[in-house]
């Protein structure tokens, strides 16, 4: 039995990682109250980033519940998921879903994402194209400090 953990290598950690997905999102999967953007990463395993806004869920405890359930879903499905960077965005209405419904929703989204990635890979193989990968380091995607006005930690 393989170890099912959620280590740092499965997380999007920097602003550049998130920016790379937003700028190069090749796949988009919708669910009730959720949207997942994904971009190929060339690492051989998926990575997850979460954006759960106060606009969609007012209370921190509710935002944390969504994030915890999303991480657990990826942790359990990590062997099936393709090598993509995923940013999961919350939408209005997410707070109305109970835990079981949210888990089913996430599993369905991961299946649709897996199907889309395999479909795109087979189309590329038919056309003889190389798979898209990002050969830039994550730091290149970050804005220089002069453009980060008002952000904490930047002068």
C-alpha atoms as a PDB file:
ATOM      1  CA  UNK A   1       0.000   0.000   0.000  1.00  0.00           C
ATOM      2  CA  UNK A   2       1.425   3.372  -0.990  1.00  0.00           C
ATOM      3  CA  UNK A   3       1.744   6.194   1.486  1.00  0.00           C
ATOM      4  CA  UNK A   4      -1.039   8.720   0.980  1.00  0.00           C
ATOM      5  CA  UNK A   5       0.256  12.069   2.222  1.00  0.00           C
ATOM      6  CA  UNK A   6       0.059  15.652   0.995  1.00  0.00           C
ATOM      7  CA  UNK A   7       3.718  16.766   0.924  1.00  0.00           C
ATOM      8  CA  UNK A   8       5.060  20.135  -0.232  1.00  0.00           C
ATOM      9  CA  UNK A   9       5.796  18.733  -3.697  1.00  0.00           C
ATOM     10  CA  UNK A  10       2.018  18.416  -4.266  1.00  0.00           C
ATOM     11  CA  UNK A  11       1.366  22.099  -3.477  1.00  0.00           C
ATOM     12  CA  UNK A  12       1.673  25.307  -5.437  1.00  0.00           C
ATOM     13  CA  UNK A  13       3.826  27.372  -3.099  1.00  0.00           C
ATOM     14  CA  UNK A  14       4.779  30.666  -4.732  1.00  0.00           C
ATOM     15  CA  UNK A  15       2.944  33.484  -6.460  1.00  0.00           C
ATOM     16  CA  UNK A  16       4.871  32.518  -9.591  1.00  0.00           C
ATOM     17  CA  UNK A  17       3.416  29.001  -9.470  1.00  0.00           C
ATOM     18  CA  UNK A  18      -0.099  30.441  -9.357  1.00  0.00           C
ATOM     19  CA  UNK A  19       0.679  33.029 -12.061  1.00  0.00           C
ATOM     20  CA  UNK A  20       1.971  30.278 -14.372  1.00  0.00           C
ATOM     21  CA  UNK A  21      -1.363  28.438 -14.074  1.00  0.00           C
ATOM     22  CA  UNK A  22      -3.453  31.582 -14.577  1.00  0.00           C
ATOM     23  CA  UNK A  23      -1.386  32.633 -17.598  1.00  0.00           C
ATOM     24  CA  UNK A  24      -1.112  29.190 -19.229  1.00  0.00           C
ATOM     25  CA  UNK A  25      -4.306  27.393 -18.191  1.00  0.00           C
ATOM     26  CA  UNK A  26      -4.869  24.755 -20.845  1.00  0.00           C
ATOM     27  CA  UNK A  27      -7.772  23.095 -19.022  1.00  0.00           C
ATOM     28  CA  UNK A  28     -10.817  24.430 -17.198  1.00  0.00           C
ATOM     29  CA  UNK A  29     -13.270  22.286 -15.223  1.00  0.00           C
ATOM     30  CA  UNK A  30     -16.414  23.688 -13.588  1.00  0.00           C
ATOM     31  CA  UNK A  31     -18.462  22.401 -10.715  1.00  0.00           C
ATOM     32  CA  UNK A  32     -21.165  23.875  -8.496  1.00  0.00           C
ATOM     33  CA  UNK A  33     -19.403  26.620  -6.580  1.00  0.00           C
ATOM     34  CA  UNK A  34     -15.953  25.607  -7.869  1.00  0.00           C
ATOM     35  CA  UNK A  35     -13.753  26.049 -10.894  1.00  0.00           C
ATOM     36  CA  UNK A  36     -10.409  24.374 -11.519  1.00  0.00           C
ATOM     37  CA  UNK A  37      -7.790  25.799 -13.861  1.00  0.00           C
ATOM     38  CA  UNK A  38      -4.945  23.490 -14.846  1.00  0.00           C
ATOM     39  CA  UNK A  39      -1.698  23.787 -16.787  1.00  0.00           C
ATOM     40  CA  UNK A  40       0.762  20.978 -17.631  1.00  0.00           C
ATOM     41  CA  UNK A  41       3.786  21.028 -15.340  1.00  0.00           C
ATOM     42  CA  UNK A  42       6.240  18.396 -16.626  1.00  0.00           C
ATOM     43  CA  UNK A  43       6.964  17.192 -13.059  1.00  0.00           C
ATOM     44  CA  UNK A  44       5.280  13.800 -13.301  1.00  0.00           C
ATOM     45  CA  UNK A  45       2.781  14.541 -10.511  1.00  0.00           C
ATOM     46  CA  UNK A  46      -0.064  16.996  -9.863  1.00  0.00           C
ATOM     47  CA  UNK A  47       0.228  20.106  -7.681  1.00  0.00           C
ATOM     48  CA  UNK A  48      -2.689  21.938  -6.090  1.00  0.00           C
ATOM     49  CA  UNK A  49      -3.234  25.578  -5.235  1.00  0.00           C
ATOM     50  CA  UNK A  50      -6.360  26.911  -3.540  1.00  0.00           C
ATOM     51  CA  UNK A  51      -8.091  30.271  -3.867  1.00  0.00           C
ATOM     52  CA  UNK A  52     -11.059  30.436  -1.485  1.00  0.00           C
ATOM     53  CA  UNK A  53     -12.169  34.039  -1.203  1.00  0.00           C
ATOM     54  CA  UNK A  54     -14.039  35.916   1.484  1.00  0.00           C
ATOM     55  CA  UNK A  55     -16.471  36.958  -1.213  1.00  0.00           C
ATOM     56  CA  UNK A  56     -17.596  33.354  -1.697  1.00  0.00           C
ATOM     57  CA  UNK A  57     -17.375  32.304   1.974  1.00  0.00           C
ATOM     58  CA  UNK A  58     -17.455  34.934   4.701  1.00  0.00           C
ATOM     59  CA  UNK A  59     -16.308  32.929   7.721  1.00  0.00           C
ATOM     60  CA  UNK A  60     -12.753  31.593   7.992  1.00  0.00           C
ATOM     61  CA  UNK A  61     -14.003  28.284   9.379  1.00  0.00           C
ATOM     62  CA  UNK A  62     -16.030  27.749   6.178  1.00  0.00           C
ATOM     63  CA  UNK A  63     -13.090  28.653   3.930  1.00  0.00           C
ATOM     64  CA  UNK A  64     -10.836  26.292   5.870  1.00  0.00           C
ATOM     65  CA  UNK A  65     -13.376  23.454   5.536  1.00  0.00           C
ATOM     66  CA  UNK A  66     -13.369  23.810   1.743  1.00  0.00           C
ATOM     67  CA  UNK A  67      -9.571  23.870   1.628  1.00  0.00           C
ATOM     68  CA  UNK A  68      -9.264  20.856   3.921  1.00  0.00           C
ATOM     69  CA  UNK A  69     -11.729  18.814   1.830  1.00  0.00           C
ATOM     70  CA  UNK A  70     -10.021  19.818  -1.432  1.00  0.00           C
ATOM     71  CA  UNK A  71      -6.586  18.797  -0.116  1.00  0.00           C
ATOM     72  CA  UNK A  72      -7.979  15.482   1.108  1.00  0.00           C
ATOM     73  CA  UNK A  73      -9.584  14.836  -2.270  1.00  0.00           C
ATOM     74  CA  UNK A  74      -6.306  15.459  -4.118  1.00  0.00           C
ATOM     75  CA  UNK A  75      -4.393  13.390  -1.581  1.00  0.00           C
ATOM     76  CA  UNK A  76      -6.667  10.413  -2.229  1.00  0.00           C
ATOM     77  CA  UNK A  77      -6.739  10.896  -6.018  1.00  0.00           C
ATOM     78  CA  UNK A  78      -3.062  11.851  -6.543  1.00  0.00           C
ATOM     79  CA  UNK A  79      -2.213   8.551  -8.265  1.00  0.00           C
ATOM     80  CA  UNK A  80      -4.956   9.078 -10.873  1.00  0.00           C
ATOM     81  CA  UNK A  81      -4.447  12.776 -11.541  1.00  0.00           C
ATOM     82  CA  UNK A  82      -2.302  13.810 -14.525  1.00  0.00           C
ATOM     83  CA  UNK A  83       0.901  15.867 -14.187  1.00  0.00           C
ATOM     84  CA  UNK A  84      -0.720  19.311 -14.060  1.00  0.00           C
ATOM     85  CA  UNK A  85      -0.687  22.320 -11.782  1.00  0.00           C
ATOM     86  CA  UNK A  86      -4.244  22.919 -10.563  1.00  0.00           C
ATOM     87  CA  UNK A  87      -5.677  26.092  -9.061  1.00  0.00           C
ATOM     88  CA  UNK A  88      -9.048  25.463  -7.450  1.00  0.00           C
ATOM     89  CA  UNK A  89     -11.162  28.625  -7.206  1.00  0.00           C
ATOM     90  CA  UNK A  90     -14.251  29.010  -5.024  1.00  0.00           C
ATOM     91  CA  UNK A  91     -17.436  30.601  -6.321  1.00  0.00           C
ATOM     92  CA  UNK A  92     -20.635  31.819  -4.741  1.00  0.00           C
ATOM     93  CA  UNK A  93     -22.827  28.963  -3.586  1.00  0.00           C
ATOM     94  CA  UNK A  94     -19.986  26.750  -2.351  1.00  0.00           C
ATOM     95  CA  UNK A  95     -21.088  27.207   1.260  1.00  0.00           C
ATOM     96  CA  UNK A  96     -24.416  25.515   0.529  1.00  0.00           C
ATOM     97  CA  UNK A  97     -22.708  22.176  -0.196  1.00  0.00           C
ATOM     98  CA  UNK A  98     -22.316  19.634   2.593  1.00  0.00           C
ATOM     99  CA  UNK A  99     -19.082  17.628   2.922  1.00  0.00           C
ATOM    100  CA  UNK A 100     -20.328  14.505   1.108  1.00  0.00           C
ATOM    101  CA  UNK A 101     -21.675  16.525  -1.830  1.00  0.00           C
ATOM    102  CA  UNK A 102     -18.472  18.538  -2.042  1.00  0.00           C
ATOM    103  CA  UNK A 103     -16.358  15.348  -2.051  1.00  0.00           C
ATOM    104  CA  UNK A 104     -18.470  13.857  -4.882  1.00  0.00           C
ATOM    105  CA  UNK A 105     -18.198  17.130  -6.767  1.00  0.00           C
ATOM    106  CA  UNK A 106     -14.398  17.192  -6.452  1.00  0.00           C
ATOM    107  CA  UNK A 107     -14.008  13.549  -7.537  1.00  0.00           C
ATOM    108  CA  UNK A 108     -16.165  14.282 -10.582  1.00  0.00           C
ATOM    109  CA  UNK A 109     -14.077  17.361 -11.411  1.00  0.00           C
ATOM    110  CA  UNK A 110     -10.828  15.365 -11.156  1.00  0.00           C
ATOM    111  CA  UNK A 111     -12.294  12.701 -13.503  1.00  0.00           C
ATOM    112  CA  UNK A 112     -13.295  15.351 -16.049  1.00  0.00           C
ATOM    113  CA  UNK A 113      -9.854  16.950 -15.779  1.00  0.00           C
ATOM    114  CA  UNK A 114      -8.177  13.573 -16.281  1.00  0.00           C
ATOM    115  CA  UNK A 115     -10.351  12.951 -19.368  1.00  0.00           C
ATOM    116  CA  UNK A 116      -9.577  16.400 -20.832  1.00  0.00           C
ATOM    117  CA  UNK A 117      -5.826  15.976 -20.330  1.00  0.00           C
ATOM    118  CA  UNK A 118      -5.832  12.512 -21.939  1.00  0.00           C
ATOM    119  CA  UNK A 119      -7.966  13.792 -24.831  1.00  0.00           C
ATOM    120  CA  UNK A 120      -5.554  16.698 -25.414  1.00  0.00           C
ATOM    121  CA  UNK A 121      -2.550  14.343 -25.217  1.00  0.00           C
ATOM    122  CA  UNK A 122      -4.050  12.012 -27.822  1.00  0.00           C
ATOM    123  CA  UNK A 123      -4.805  14.987 -30.112  1.00  0.00           C
ATOM    124  CA  UNK A 124      -1.191  16.136 -29.777  1.00  0.00           C
ATOM    125  CA  UNK A 125       0.034  12.619 -30.540  1.00  0.00           C
ATOM    126  CA  UNK A 126      -2.113  12.511 -33.690  1.00  0.00           C
ATOM    127  CA  UNK A 127      -0.720  15.867 -34.816  1.00  0.00           C
ATOM    128  CA  UNK A 128       2.862  14.998 -33.842  1.00  0.00           C
ATOM    129  CA  UNK A 129       3.130  17.985 -31.480  1.00  0.00           C
ATOM    130  CA  UNK A 130       5.315  17.999 -28.392  1.00  0.00           C
ATOM    131  CA  UNK A 131       3.485  18.250 -25.051  1.00  0.00           C
ATOM    132  CA  UNK A 132       3.436  21.728 -23.512  1.00  0.00           C
ATOM    133  CA  UNK A 133       5.754  22.114 -20.559  1.00  0.00           C
ATOM    134  CA  UNK A 134       6.995  25.109 -18.704  1.00  0.00           C
ATOM    135  CA  UNK A 135      10.769  25.359 -18.901  1.00  0.00           C
ATOM    136  CA  UNK A 136      10.813  28.658 -17.017  1.00  0.00           C
ATOM    137  CA  UNK A 137      11.557  28.700 -13.337  1.00  0.00           C
ATOM    138  CA  UNK A 138       8.678  29.836 -11.096  1.00  0.00           C
ATOM    139  CA  UNK A 139      10.591  32.965 -10.026  1.00  0.00           C
ATOM    140  CA  UNK A 140      10.489  34.340 -13.589  1.00  0.00           C
ATOM    141  CA  UNK A 141       6.696  34.567 -13.337  1.00  0.00           C
ATOM    142  CA  UNK A 142       6.682  36.801 -10.273  1.00  0.00           C
ATOM    143  CA  UNK A 143       6.375  40.538 -10.633  1.00  0.00           C
ATOM    144  CA  UNK A 144       9.347  42.653  -9.655  1.00  0.00           C
ATOM    145  CA  UNK A 145       8.976  44.437  -6.293  1.00  0.00           C
ATOM    146  CA  UNK A 146       8.331  47.762  -8.049  1.00  0.00           C
ATOM    147  CA  UNK A 147       5.041  46.347  -9.395  1.00  0.00           C
ATOM    148  CA  UNK A 148       3.884  44.909  -6.056  1.00  0.00           C
ATOM    149  CA  UNK A 149       2.608  48.160  -4.601  1.00  0.00           C
ATOM    150  CA  UNK A 150       0.742  47.771  -1.379  1.00  0.00           C
ATOM    151  CA  UNK A 151       1.644  44.096  -0.985  1.00  0.00           C
ATOM    152  CA  UNK A 152       2.908  43.145   2.465  1.00  0.00           C
ATOM    153  CA  UNK A 153       6.576  42.250   2.525  1.00  0.00           C
ATOM    154  CA  UNK A 154       7.505  44.438  -0.448  1.00  0.00           C
ATOM    155  CA  UNK A 155       9.087  47.841  -0.069  1.00  0.00           C
END
